[in-house]
Amino acid sequence: MAKIWVEAYGCSASFADSEMISGLVVNGGHTLAENPSDADLNVIVTCSVKDATADKMVHRIKRLRSKPLVVAGCLPKAETTTVEKFSPKASLLGPNSLGKTLAIIDSTLRGQKRIELEDSDITKIGLPKVRLNSAIGIVEIASGCMSECTFCQTKIAKGEIQSFRMGDIVRQVRYEVEDGCKEVWLTSTDNGCYGFDIGTDLPNLVNAVSQIEHNFMIRVGMMNPMYMPRIREGLLESFESPKVFKFIHIPVQSGSNKVLKDMKRGHTEEVFRKSNELFRKKFGRFTVSTDIIVGFPTETEDDFEQTVDLIEETRPDIINLSRYSARLGTKAASMDQIDVSEIMQRSKTVFDMVSRIAQERNQEWVGWKGEVLFDEISDNTTKGRNYAYKPVIIEDKVKMGQRVQIKITRATKHALYGQIAS
């Protein structure tokens, strides 16, 4: 029996993987360490989506390699040589090889490096897990995607779409809820194409999960806009369920159709604009999250201005802003790159605008009174989410998973602040 430290970075699917790795560790007779220094072996579940993230992963790998180390997640699959350069003795575990977790840990503890990067265990439904948050159940619904984005390493790491069976997902969600979860996240590389390979789709899944007979909320994770025309009408109907957070994450990436074509995104800016309009028109207060990349190699000043115009006109509540960086193995990495100083300037322009819009969107909630589900409680923070998945912070003490009537008294660009309503 050994003490194992597990830490994770990146998307919610990576955190779900870390929960399952921890569950397999405990089921295998080991214990989870409280910090890396107390561990006999360290596991890091990595992300490689952009340069800054990959640099952080390398920094953590260097810090953790003084102990036997397993590097899991996307980075060892997409950039094996990078991991081996900075930690030659580390064992490598791919994102679709979780069934090999115990074998790779046992080998590494004996001083034997082991590499398991093949897609040997695609389905992740039903694996044991140790939750990072007792109120939230993260359920992976698929692995891989159908896109061929020229800037992204995720396809290299996770491959083609492999949707998990709807019945298995529903059973997993029911287990999570009966085990105490008040909030369930449906997550994958791209929820938008869920089910296309097995004869179903995301709206059907959301409907099935919504029918589970318990009091809980559902957060539908990221979906690429290219599939919205195919599933949008069904999704608008499935979101009518009071169990579904009125929140969508649809990464547009650019406001220029020329750049979107060069990115091989498969959608136009009009698709994002229409989706934004329809969900807000139907549900009123509705949270729209998107992603923007500035400085893609073919982005001209005019292309950039089109992105600025799109943001100003659609006013997303949340924008995850990234400065383009070339990722190893991607098509865009071989293109002529834009000067870094120009990318920085464009990034600052968008950042300032995003901050202003986020503040203005949140300010609209001041005076609102309604139910908030509290899912993050610590010594310093009591935070929950309202029906539109807006983060709500209060000073009062409540229980994890409790629903409380709250009145919003002020707002920042990051969150709403309130107090328990009398």
Protein backbone atom coordinates (compact mmCIF):
# COMPACT_ATOMS: atom_id res chain seq x y z
CA MET A 1 0.00 0.00 0.00
CA ALA A 2 1.33 3.43 -0.99
CA LYS A 3 0.34 7.07 -0.60
CA ILE A 4 -0.58 8.58 -3.98
CA TRP A 5 -0.91 12.28 -4.77
CA VAL A 6 -3.21 13.18 -7.72
CA GLU A 7 -3.54 16.67 -9.22
CA ALA A 8 -5.33 17.79 -12.38
CA TYR A 9 -5.40 20.71 -14.83
CA GLY A 10 -7.45 21.81 -17.82
CA CYS A 11 -11.05 21.07 -18.73
CA SER A 12 -13.74 19.38 -16.65
CA ALA A 13 -13.04 16.11 -18.49
CA SER A 14 -9.49 16.18 -17.09
CA PHE A 15 -10.85 16.68 -13.58
CA ALA A 16 -13.28 13.81 -14.17
CA ASP A 17 -10.31 11.64 -15.21
CA SER A 18 -8.48 12.59 -12.01
CA GLU A 19 -11.52 11.60 -9.93
CA MET A 20 -11.54 8.18 -11.60
CA ILE A 21 -7.77 7.75 -11.20
CA SER A 22 -8.21 8.54 -7.48
CA GLY A 23 -11.08 6.06 -7.26
CA LEU A 24 -9.01 3.31 -8.87
CA VAL A 25 -6.11 4.14 -6.53
CA VAL A 26 -8.31 3.73 -3.43
CA ASN A 27 -10.02 0.61 -4.78
CA GLY A 28 -6.59 -0.85 -5.44
CA GLY A 29 -5.65 -0.65 -1.75
CA HIS A 30 -3.60 2.54 -1.82
CA THR A 31 -4.42 5.79 -0.02
CA LEU A 32 -4.56 9.35 -1.30
CA ALA A 33 -1.85 11.67 -0.01
CA GLU A 34 -2.78 15.13 1.28
CA ASN A 35 0.11 16.77 -0.55
CA PRO A 36 2.98 15.82 -2.90
CA SER A 37 5.63 15.88 -0.18
CA ASP A 38 3.81 13.14 1.78
CA ALA A 39 3.33 10.92 -1.27
CA ASP A 40 5.21 7.83 -2.34
CA LEU A 41 4.17 8.54 -5.94
CA ASN A 42 2.76 11.57 -7.74
CA VAL A 43 0.19 11.60 -10.57
CA ILE A 44 -0.43 14.70 -12.66
CA VAL A 45 -3.36 14.79 -15.12
CA THR A 46 -2.19 17.28 -17.73
CA CYS A 47 -3.64 19.66 -20.32
CA SER A 48 -1.86 20.78 -23.49
CA VAL A 49 -4.41 23.09 -25.08
CA LYS A 50 -2.09 26.13 -25.33
CA ASP A 51 1.52 27.16 -24.77
CA ALA A 52 0.98 28.82 -21.39
CA THR A 53 -0.78 25.70 -20.10
CA ALA A 54 1.91 23.37 -21.45
CA ASP A 55 4.58 25.55 -19.81
CA LYS A 56 2.74 25.23 -16.50
CA MET A 57 2.61 21.45 -16.96
CA VAL A 58 6.36 21.32 -17.54
CA HIS A 59 6.90 23.41 -14.40
CA ARG A 60 4.75 21.02 -12.32
CA ILE A 61 6.42 17.94 -13.82
CA LYS A 62 9.82 19.34 -12.78
CA ARG A 63 8.49 19.93 -9.24
CA LEU A 64 6.93 16.47 -8.92
CA ARG A 65 9.69 14.35 -10.51
CA SER A 66 11.68 14.02 -7.28
CA LYS A 67 9.25 11.19 -6.45
CA PRO A 68 8.13 8.34 -8.72
CA LEU A 69 5.87 10.10 -11.23
CA VAL A 70 3.00 9.23 -13.57
CA VAL A 71 2.16 11.87 -16.19
CA ALA A 72 -1.41 11.35 -17.40
CA GLY A 73 -3.88 13.25 -19.59
CA CYS A 74 -3.38 15.00 -22.94
CA LEU A 75 0.27 16.13 -22.78
CA PRO A 76 1.95 12.68 -22.81
CA LYS A 77 -0.23 11.62 -25.76
CA ALA A 78 0.19 14.81 -27.80
CA GLU A 79 3.80 15.63 -26.83
CA THR A 80 5.49 12.47 -25.58
CA THR A 81 8.98 13.83 -26.30
CA THR A 82 8.32 16.98 -24.25
CA VAL A 83 7.38 14.96 -21.17
CA GLU A 84 10.31 12.57 -21.58
CA LYS A 85 12.71 15.48 -22.03
CA PHE A 86 11.86 16.93 -18.63
CA SER A 87 11.19 13.69 -16.76
CA PRO A 88 12.79 10.71 -18.53
CA LYS A 89 11.85 8.27 -15.78
CA ALA A 90 8.16 9.21 -15.57
CA SER A 91 5.54 6.69 -16.62
CA LEU A 92 2.97 7.88 -19.17
CA LEU A 93 -0.79 7.28 -19.08
CA GLY A 94 -3.05 8.37 -21.95
CA PRO A 95 -6.51 9.94 -21.50
CA ASN A 96 -8.18 6.79 -22.85
CA SER A 97 -6.07 4.29 -20.89
CA LEU A 98 -7.45 4.74 -17.37
CA GLY A 99 -7.99 1.01 -16.94
CA LYS A 100 -4.19 0.67 -16.76
CA THR A 101 -3.95 3.04 -13.77
CA LEU A 102 -3.13 0.46 -11.08
CA ALA A 103 -0.73 -1.48 -13.30
CA ILE A 104 1.20 1.68 -14.21
CA ILE A 105 1.31 2.84 -10.56
CA ASP A 106 2.58 -0.53 -9.35
CA SER A 107 5.29 -0.62 -12.04
CA THR A 108 6.38 2.95 -11.30
CA LEU A 109 6.58 2.26 -7.55
CA ARG A 110 8.96 -0.63 -8.36
CA GLY A 111 11.16 1.74 -10.35
CA GLN A 112 10.00 0.46 -13.74
CA LYS A 113 8.89 3.07 -16.27
CA ARG A 114 5.71 2.07 -18.09
CA ILE A 115 3.99 3.69 -21.09
CA GLU A 116 0.26 3.22 -21.69
CA LEU A 117 -0.87 5.67 -24.38
CA GLU A 118 -3.07 3.46 -26.55
CA ASP A 119 -6.86 3.94 -26.53
CA SER A 120 -7.42 0.74 -24.58
CA ASP A 121 -10.24 1.86 -22.29
CA ILE A 122 -12.53 4.26 -24.13
CA THR A 123 -15.63 4.09 -21.93
CA LYS A 124 -15.33 5.80 -18.56
CA ILE A 125 -18.81 5.10 -17.26
CA GLY A 126 -19.02 3.12 -14.04
CA LEU A 127 -15.41 3.50 -12.93
CA PRO A 128 -14.92 4.19 -9.20
CA LYS A 129 -14.18 7.79 -8.31
CA VAL A 130 -13.23 10.09 -5.47
CA ARG A 131 -15.02 13.39 -6.05
CA LEU A 132 -13.19 16.70 -5.89
CA ASN A 133 -16.47 18.31 -4.77
CA SER A 134 -19.07 16.31 -2.86
CA ALA A 135 -21.93 18.34 -4.36
CA ILE A 136 -20.89 17.96 -8.01
CA GLY A 137 -20.89 14.81 -10.14
CA ILE A 138 -18.77 15.13 -13.30
CA VAL A 139 -19.98 12.62 -15.89
CA GLU A 140 -18.06 12.15 -19.14
CA ILE A 141 -20.43 11.38 -22.01
CA ALA A 142 -17.90 10.80 -24.79
CA SER A 143 -14.23 10.84 -25.74
CA GLY A 144 -12.70 12.58 -28.74
CA CYS A 145 -14.38 14.81 -31.30
CA MET A 146 -15.29 15.17 -34.98
CA SER A 147 -13.44 18.44 -35.60
CA GLU A 148 -10.12 19.03 -37.37
CA CYS A 149 -9.19 22.45 -36.01
CA THR A 150 -5.81 23.55 -37.33
CA PHE A 151 -4.72 25.07 -33.99
CA CYS A 152 -5.75 22.31 -31.56
CA GLN A 153 -3.87 19.35 -30.08
CA THR A 154 -6.93 17.76 -28.46
CA LYS A 155 -7.73 15.62 -31.51
CA ILE A 156 -4.14 14.31 -31.44
CA ALA A 157 -4.59 13.33 -27.78
CA LYS A 158 -8.14 11.98 -27.80
CA GLY A 159 -8.93 10.94 -31.37
CA GLU A 160 -12.30 10.53 -33.06
CA ILE A 161 -15.64 10.80 -31.26
CA GLN A 162 -16.60 7.74 -29.21
CA SER A 163 -19.94 8.41 -27.54
CA PHE A 164 -20.89 6.44 -24.45
CA ARG A 165 -24.28 4.73 -24.45
CA MET A 166 -27.14 6.88 -23.23
CA GLY A 167 -28.49 4.22 -20.85
CA ASP A 168 -25.08 3.91 -19.20
CA ILE A 169 -24.83 7.68 -18.79
CA VAL A 170 -28.30 7.91 -17.27
CA ARG A 171 -27.43 5.15 -14.79
CA GLN A 172 -24.20 6.97 -13.88
CA VAL A 173 -26.04 10.27 -13.34
CA ARG A 174 -28.65 8.51 -11.20
CA TYR A 175 -25.86 6.99 -9.10
CA GLU A 176 -24.18 10.40 -8.67
CA VAL A 177 -27.43 12.02 -7.54
CA GLU A 178 -28.40 9.17 -5.19
CA ASP A 179 -24.90 9.42 -3.73
CA GLY A 180 -25.55 13.03 -2.69
CA CYS A 181 -24.66 15.18 -5.71
CA LYS A 182 -26.91 18.20 -6.23
CA GLU A 183 -25.30 19.24 -9.50
CA VAL A 184 -24.25 17.11 -12.48
CA TRP A 185 -21.89 18.23 -15.24
CA LEU A 186 -22.25 16.52 -18.63
CA THR A 187 -18.80 16.87 -20.13
CA SER A 188 -16.62 15.68 -23.03
CA THR A 189 -14.17 17.01 -25.59
CA ASP A 190 -17.16 18.36 -27.55
CA ASN A 191 -20.72 17.79 -26.33
CA GLY A 192 -22.10 19.16 -29.61
CA CYS A 193 -21.39 15.98 -31.56
CA TYR A 194 -22.41 13.59 -28.78
CA GLY A 195 -24.25 10.58 -30.14
CA PHE A 196 -23.67 11.19 -33.86
CA ASP A 197 -21.69 7.93 -33.99
CA ILE A 198 -24.34 5.87 -32.18
CA GLY A 199 -27.56 7.21 -33.67
CA THR A 200 -28.61 9.79 -31.09
CA ASP A 201 -27.72 13.36 -30.04
CA LEU A 202 -27.24 15.74 -27.13
CA PRO A 203 -30.88 16.93 -26.84
CA ASN A 204 -32.04 13.33 -26.42
CA LEU A 205 -29.43 12.79 -23.71
CA VAL A 206 -30.37 15.97 -21.84
CA ASN A 207 -34.04 14.95 -21.97
CA ALA A 208 -33.22 11.48 -20.60
CA VAL A 209 -31.07 12.83 -17.77
CA SER A 210 -33.70 15.48 -16.90
CA GLN A 211 -36.26 12.73 -16.31
CA ILE A 212 -34.28 11.20 -13.44
CA GLU A 213 -36.53 11.49 -10.41
CA HIS A 214 -34.44 13.56 -8.02
CA ASN A 215 -33.89 17.24 -7.16
CA PHE A 216 -30.66 18.22 -8.92
CA MET A 217 -29.32 20.59 -11.59
CA ILE A 218 -27.62 19.78 -14.90
CA ARG A 219 -24.80 21.79 -16.45
CA VAL A 220 -24.35 21.05 -20.15
CA GLY A 221 -20.68 21.46 -21.06
CA MET A 222 -18.91 22.90 -24.09
CA MET A 223 -20.32 22.30 -27.56
CA ASN A 224 -18.74 23.52 -30.78
CA PRO A 225 -20.98 25.85 -32.84
CA MET A 226 -20.58 23.81 -36.06
CA TYR A 227 -23.17 21.31 -34.79
CA MET A 228 -25.66 23.85 -33.47
CA PRO A 229 -27.79 24.05 -36.64
CA ARG A 230 -28.28 20.27 -36.39
CA ILE A 231 -29.22 20.13 -32.68
CA ARG A 232 -30.33 23.67 -31.82
CA GLU A 233 -34.11 23.23 -32.01
CA GLY A 234 -33.97 20.06 -29.93
CA LEU A 235 -31.63 21.72 -27.45
CA LEU A 236 -33.93 24.72 -27.05
CA GLU A 237 -36.70 22.28 -26.09
CA SER A 238 -34.55 20.16 -23.74
CA PHE A 239 -33.38 23.32 -21.94
CA GLU A 240 -37.00 23.99 -20.94
CA SER A 241 -36.51 21.52 -18.07
CA PRO A 242 -36.17 23.40 -14.75
CA LYS A 243 -33.34 20.99 -13.94
CA VAL A 244 -31.10 22.39 -16.71
CA PHE A 245 -28.96 25.45 -15.95
CA LYS A 246 -29.74 28.18 -18.47
CA PHE A 247 -26.14 28.23 -19.64
CA ILE A 248 -24.32 27.27 -22.84
CA HIS A 249 -20.63 27.29 -23.73
CA ILE A 250 -20.20 27.66 -27.50
CA PRO A 251 -16.65 28.73 -28.53
CA VAL A 252 -16.84 30.97 -31.60
CA GLN A 253 -13.03 31.68 -31.56
CA SER A 254 -13.22 34.48 -34.20
CA GLY A 255 -15.68 36.94 -35.71
CA SER A 256 -14.11 36.56 -39.15
CA ASN A 257 -15.48 33.84 -41.41
CA LYS A 258 -12.19 33.81 -43.32
CA VAL A 259 -10.24 33.06 -40.15
CA LEU A 260 -12.83 30.47 -39.06
CA LYS A 261 -12.32 28.73 -42.41
CA ASP A 262 -8.53 28.80 -41.95
CA MET A 263 -9.04 27.37 -38.46
CA LYS A 264 -11.26 24.64 -40.01
CA ARG A 265 -13.88 25.36 -37.37
CA GLY A 266 -16.78 24.24 -39.56
CA HIS A 267 -19.06 27.13 -38.60
CA THR A 268 -19.58 30.78 -39.45
CA GLU A 269 -19.92 33.70 -37.06
CA GLU A 270 -23.60 33.83 -38.04
CA VAL A 271 -24.16 30.40 -36.46
CA PHE A 272 -22.87 31.70 -33.13
CA ARG A 273 -24.84 34.93 -33.49
CA LYS A 274 -28.09 33.04 -34.20
CA SER A 275 -27.62 30.61 -31.30
CA ASN A 276 -26.89 33.46 -28.91
CA GLU A 277 -30.03 35.26 -30.10
CA LEU A 278 -32.39 32.25 -29.93
CA PHE A 279 -31.43 31.06 -26.44
CA ARG A 280 -31.65 34.56 -24.97
CA LYS A 281 -34.92 35.28 -26.75
CA LYS A 282 -36.52 32.11 -25.43
CA PHE A 283 -35.22 32.14 -21.85
CA GLY A 284 -34.59 35.83 -21.13
CA ARG A 285 -31.76 35.92 -18.62
CA PHE A 286 -29.49 33.28 -20.11
CA THR A 287 -25.72 32.90 -19.68
CA VAL A 288 -23.70 32.56 -22.87
CA SER A 289 -20.03 31.61 -22.60
CA THR A 290 -17.65 31.58 -25.54
CA ASP A 291 -13.93 31.40 -26.40
CA ILE A 292 -11.90 33.85 -28.48
CA ILE A 293 -8.44 33.33 -29.96
CA VAL A 294 -6.58 36.48 -31.03
CA GLY A 295 -3.53 36.42 -33.28
CA PHE A 296 -4.24 33.31 -35.36
CA PRO A 297 -1.60 33.31 -38.15
CA THR A 298 -3.97 34.48 -40.90
CA GLU A 299 -5.82 37.08 -38.79
CA THR A 300 -5.51 40.54 -40.38
CA GLU A 301 -6.38 43.80 -38.67
CA ASP A 302 -9.76 43.71 -40.45
CA ASP A 303 -10.40 40.15 -39.24
CA PHE A 304 -9.62 41.26 -35.72
CA GLU A 305 -12.04 44.19 -35.98
CA GLN A 306 -14.75 41.74 -37.07
CA THR A 307 -14.12 39.80 -33.86
CA VAL A 308 -14.37 43.00 -31.82
CA ASP A 309 -17.66 43.85 -33.56
CA LEU A 310 -19.08 40.37 -32.90
CA ILE A 311 -18.28 40.58 -29.19
CA GLU A 312 -19.76 44.06 -28.89
CA GLU A 313 -22.95 43.08 -30.71
CA THR A 314 -23.59 39.70 -29.04
CA ARG A 315 -22.26 40.60 -25.56
CA PRO A 316 -21.46 37.12 -24.21
CA ASP A 317 -21.51 36.88 -20.40
CA ILE A 318 -18.22 34.97 -20.31
CA ILE A 319 -15.34 35.07 -22.79
CA ASN A 320 -12.34 32.80 -22.34
CA LEU A 321 -9.65 34.81 -24.11
CA SER A 322 -6.52 33.16 -25.51
CA ARG A 323 -3.53 34.55 -27.35
CA TYR A 324 -2.74 32.21 -30.23
CA SER A 325 0.30 30.03 -29.71
CA ALA A 326 1.61 27.37 -32.08
CA ARG A 327 1.07 23.83 -30.75
CA LEU A 328 3.32 20.97 -31.81
CA GLY A 329 1.81 18.73 -34.50
CA THR A 330 -0.94 21.16 -35.58
CA LYS A 331 -1.34 22.57 -39.11
CA ALA A 332 -1.36 26.18 -37.94
CA ALA A 333 2.09 25.73 -36.37
CA SER A 334 3.62 25.61 -39.89
CA MET A 335 1.99 28.89 -40.98
CA ASP A 336 3.72 32.28 -40.87
CA GLN A 337 3.15 33.61 -37.35
CA ILE A 338 2.01 37.09 -36.31
CA ASP A 339 4.44 39.17 -34.26
CA VAL A 340 3.98 38.57 -30.53
CA SER A 341 3.73 42.29 -29.73
CA GLU A 342 0.79 42.62 -32.13
CA ILE A 343 -0.94 39.63 -30.55
CA MET A 344 -0.42 41.18 -27.11
CA GLN A 345 -1.98 44.47 -28.24
CA ARG A 346 -5.02 42.73 -29.74
CA SER A 347 -5.39 40.66 -26.59
CA LYS A 348 -5.41 43.78 -24.41
CA THR A 349 -8.10 45.39 -26.58
CA VAL A 350 -10.37 42.35 -26.23
CA PHE A 351 -9.57 41.90 -22.52
CA ASP A 352 -10.63 45.46 -21.71
CA MET A 353 -13.85 45.06 -23.69
CA VAL A 354 -14.62 41.65 -22.15
CA SER A 355 -14.14 43.05 -18.63
CA ARG A 356 -16.52 45.91 -19.34
CA ILE A 357 -19.22 43.69 -20.86
CA ALA A 358 -18.95 41.12 -18.04
CA GLN A 359 -19.45 43.90 -15.48
CA GLU A 360 -22.44 45.29 -17.38
CA ARG A 361 -24.05 41.86 -17.83
CA ASN A 362 -23.67 41.02 -14.15
CA GLN A 363 -24.93 44.45 -13.09
CA GLU A 364 -28.28 43.58 -14.68
CA TRP A 365 -28.80 41.00 -11.91
CA VAL A 366 -28.61 43.50 -9.02
CA GLY A 367 -31.96 43.44 -7.23
CA TRP A 368 -32.83 39.93 -8.48
CA LYS A 369 -34.19 37.53 -5.85
CA GLY A 370 -34.32 33.79 -6.32
CA GLU A 371 -32.97 30.35 -5.49
CA VAL A 372 -29.25 29.65 -5.41
CA LEU A 373 -27.67 26.20 -5.16
CA PHE A 374 -24.50 26.36 -3.05
CA ASP A 375 -21.74 24.13 -4.40
CA GLU A 376 -18.49 25.66 -3.12
CA ILE A 377 -18.00 26.23 0.59
CA SER A 378 -14.68 26.83 2.35
CA ASP A 379 -13.35 28.93 5.22
CA ASN A 380 -13.09 31.93 2.91
CA THR A 381 -15.88 31.42 0.38
CA THR A 382 -19.56 30.55 0.30
CA LYS A 383 -20.44 30.37 -3.38
CA GLY A 384 -23.36 28.98 -5.34
CA ARG A 385 -25.08 29.20 -8.72
CA ASN A 386 -28.45 30.58 -9.71
CA TYR A 387 -30.61 29.09 -12.48
CA ALA A 388 -28.48 30.82 -15.15
CA TYR A 389 -25.29 29.39 -13.63
CA LYS A 390 -24.18 32.83 -12.44
CA PRO A 391 -21.73 32.57 -9.52
CA VAL A 392 -23.29 34.02 -6.34
CA ILE A 393 -21.18 34.80 -3.24
CA ILE A 394 -22.64 35.44 0.22
CA GLU A 395 -21.17 36.01 3.70
CA ASP A 396 -23.81 33.88 5.45
CA LYS A 397 -23.08 30.26 6.30
CA VAL A 398 -25.08 27.57 4.50
CA LYS A 399 -24.64 23.84 3.93
CA MET A 400 -23.01 22.31 0.86
CA GLY A 401 -25.69 21.45 -1.67
CA GLN A 402 -28.32 23.60 0.05
CA ARG A 403 -30.75 25.74 -1.97
CA VAL A 404 -31.41 29.18 -0.48
CA GLN A 405 -33.41 32.25 -1.52
CA ILE A 406 -30.89 35.04 -2.14
CA LYS A 407 -31.21 38.71 -3.04
CA ILE A 408 -28.41 40.15 -5.19
CA THR A 409 -27.06 43.42 -3.78
CA ARG A 410 -24.01 44.12 -5.96
CA ALA A 411 -22.00 42.74 -8.85
CA THR A 412 -18.45 42.60 -10.16
CA LYS A 413 -17.25 41.32 -13.51
CA HIS A 414 -16.54 37.95 -11.90
CA ALA A 415 -19.56 37.28 -9.67
CA LEU A 416 -22.81 38.39 -8.06
CA TYR A 417 -22.91 39.18 -4.34
CA GLY A 418 -25.96 38.84 -2.18
CA GLN A 419 -27.57 37.98 1.12
CA ILE A 420 -30.19 35.55 2.32
CA ALA A 421 -33.62 37.00 1.48
CA SER A 422 -35.98 37.52 4.39
